C-alpha cells in the first residue's frame, strides 16, 4: 500500500476509535457485575423491576453521564 493509503486508513481507524470513546468511558463507569446482580436481586425482592429500581438508576446514570453521540 502507498503512504497515502496508509494515512487514509490510519485516519479512518482513529475516527472510529474516537467515536467509541463513550463506550470505553461507560465500561469503566458501570458497577461491577456482582454489584449489578446484587442491585437487581434487591430490586426484584422489593418489587422494583422497573425504572424505580436502584439497578436501573445506576445504569441510567452511567448512560446519561456518557451519552452515545448522534
C-alpha atoms as a PDB file:
ATOM      1  CA  UNK A   1       0.000   0.000   0.000  1.00  0.00           C
ATOM      2  CA  UNK A   2       1.057   3.563  -0.610  1.00  0.00           C
ATOM      3  CA  UNK A   3       1.736   6.079   2.153  1.00  0.00           C
ATOM      4  CA  UNK A   4      -1.441   7.905   1.130  1.00  0.00           C
ATOM      5  CA  UNK A   5      -3.484   4.721   1.610  1.00  0.00           C
ATOM      6  CA  UNK A   6      -1.825   4.068   4.967  1.00  0.00           C
ATOM      7  CA  UNK A   7      -2.541   7.614   6.122  1.00  0.00           C
ATOM      8  CA  UNK A   8      -6.167   7.362   4.985  1.00  0.00           C
ATOM      9  CA  UNK A   9      -6.635   4.072   6.827  1.00  0.00           C
ATOM     10  CA  UNK A  10      -4.956   5.464   9.952  1.00  0.00           C
ATOM     11  CA  UNK A  11      -7.327   8.458   9.842  1.00  0.00           C
ATOM     12  CA  UNK A  12     -10.323   6.123   9.394  1.00  0.00           C
ATOM     13  CA  UNK A  13      -9.277   3.938  12.315  1.00  0.00           C
ATOM     14  CA  UNK A  14      -8.610   6.957  14.549  1.00  0.00           C
ATOM     15  CA  UNK A  15     -12.052   8.390  13.761  1.00  0.00           C
ATOM     16  CA  UNK A  16     -13.661   5.053  14.641  1.00  0.00           C
ATOM     17  CA  UNK A  17     -11.671   4.864  17.884  1.00  0.00           C
ATOM     18  CA  UNK A  18     -12.596   8.438  18.816  1.00  0.00           C
ATOM     19  CA  UNK A  19     -16.280   7.831  18.042  1.00  0.00           C
ATOM     20  CA  UNK A  20     -16.355   4.951  20.528  1.00  0.00           C
ATOM     21  CA  UNK A  21     -14.883   6.893  23.455  1.00  0.00           C
ATOM     22  CA  UNK A  22     -18.279   6.867  25.171  1.00  0.00           C
ATOM     23  CA  UNK A  23     -18.160   3.049  25.166  1.00  0.00           C
ATOM     24  CA  UNK A  24     -14.793   2.997  26.884  1.00  0.00           C
ATOM     25  CA  UNK A  25     -15.957   5.594  29.412  1.00  0.00           C
ATOM     26  CA  UNK A  26     -19.123   3.615  30.158  1.00  0.00           C
ATOM     27  CA  UNK A  27     -17.214   0.371  30.558  1.00  0.00           C
ATOM     28  CA  UNK A  28     -15.099   1.827  33.356  1.00  0.00           C
ATOM     29  CA  UNK A  29     -18.060   3.590  34.999  1.00  0.00           C
ATOM     30  CA  UNK A  30     -20.517   0.715  35.336  1.00  0.00           C
ATOM     31  CA  UNK A  31     -20.620  -1.031  38.706  1.00  0.00           C
ATOM     32  CA  UNK A  32     -19.033  -4.481  38.708  1.00  0.00           C
ATOM     33  CA  UNK A  33     -21.325  -7.276  37.518  1.00  0.00           C
ATOM     34  CA  UNK A  34     -21.582  -8.760  41.019  1.00  0.00           C
ATOM     35  CA  UNK A  35     -22.747  -5.369  42.320  1.00  0.00           C
ATOM     36  CA  UNK A  36     -25.256  -5.044  39.473  1.00  0.00           C
ATOM     37  CA  UNK A  37     -26.629  -8.505  40.194  1.00  0.00           C
ATOM     38  CA  UNK A  38     -26.986  -7.630  43.869  1.00  0.00           C
ATOM     39  CA  UNK A  39     -28.862  -4.438  42.932  1.00  0.00           C
ATOM     40  CA  UNK A  40     -31.120  -6.444  40.622  1.00  0.00           C
ATOM     41  CA  UNK A  41     -31.807  -9.018  43.334  1.00  0.00           C
ATOM     42  CA  UNK A  42     -32.789  -6.353  45.855  1.00  0.00           C
ATOM     43  CA  UNK A  43     -34.894  -4.517  43.279  1.00  0.00           C
ATOM     44  CA  UNK A  44     -36.758  -7.699  42.346  1.00  0.00           C
ATOM     45  CA  UNK A  45     -37.276  -8.589  46.016  1.00  0.00           C
ATOM     46  CA  UNK A  46     -38.704  -5.107  46.609  1.00  0.00           C
ATOM     47  CA  UNK A  47     -40.912  -5.326  43.509  1.00  0.00           C
ATOM     48  CA  UNK A  48     -38.928  -2.620  41.745  1.00  0.00           C
ATOM     49  CA  UNK A  49     -38.105  -4.343  38.461  1.00  0.00           C
ATOM     50  CA  UNK A  50     -38.899  -1.102  36.653  1.00  0.00           C
ATOM     51  CA  UNK A  51     -37.367   2.359  36.318  1.00  0.00           C
ATOM     52  CA  UNK A  52     -37.697   2.987  40.064  1.00  0.00           C
ATOM     53  CA  UNK A  53     -35.141   0.318  40.949  1.00  0.00           C
ATOM     54  CA  UNK A  54     -31.593   1.040  42.056  1.00  0.00           C
ATOM     55  CA  UNK A  55     -30.063  -1.048  39.251  1.00  0.00           C
ATOM     56  CA  UNK A  56     -31.886   0.978  36.617  1.00  0.00           C
ATOM     57  CA  UNK A  57     -30.862   4.230  38.300  1.00  0.00           C
ATOM     58  CA  UNK A  58     -27.190   3.171  38.419  1.00  0.00           C
ATOM     59  CA  UNK A  59     -27.078   2.070  34.781  1.00  0.00           C
ATOM     60  CA  UNK A  60     -29.080   5.073  33.604  1.00  0.00           C
ATOM     61  CA  UNK A  61     -26.657   7.439  35.365  1.00  0.00           C
ATOM     62  CA  UNK A  62     -23.706   5.926  33.511  1.00  0.00           C
ATOM     63  CA  UNK A  63     -25.530   6.212  30.196  1.00  0.00           C
ATOM     64  CA  UNK A  64     -26.614   9.794  30.937  1.00  0.00           C
ATOM     65  CA  UNK A  65     -23.119  10.821  32.042  1.00  0.00           C
ATOM     66  CA  UNK A  66     -21.580   9.214  28.928  1.00  0.00           C
ATOM     67  CA  UNK A  67     -24.098   9.740  26.116  1.00  0.00           C
ATOM     68  CA  UNK A  68     -23.845   7.969  22.804  1.00  0.00           C
ATOM     69  CA  UNK A  69     -23.067  10.520  20.083  1.00  0.00           C
ATOM     70  CA  UNK A  70     -25.738  11.113  17.491  1.00  0.00           C
END
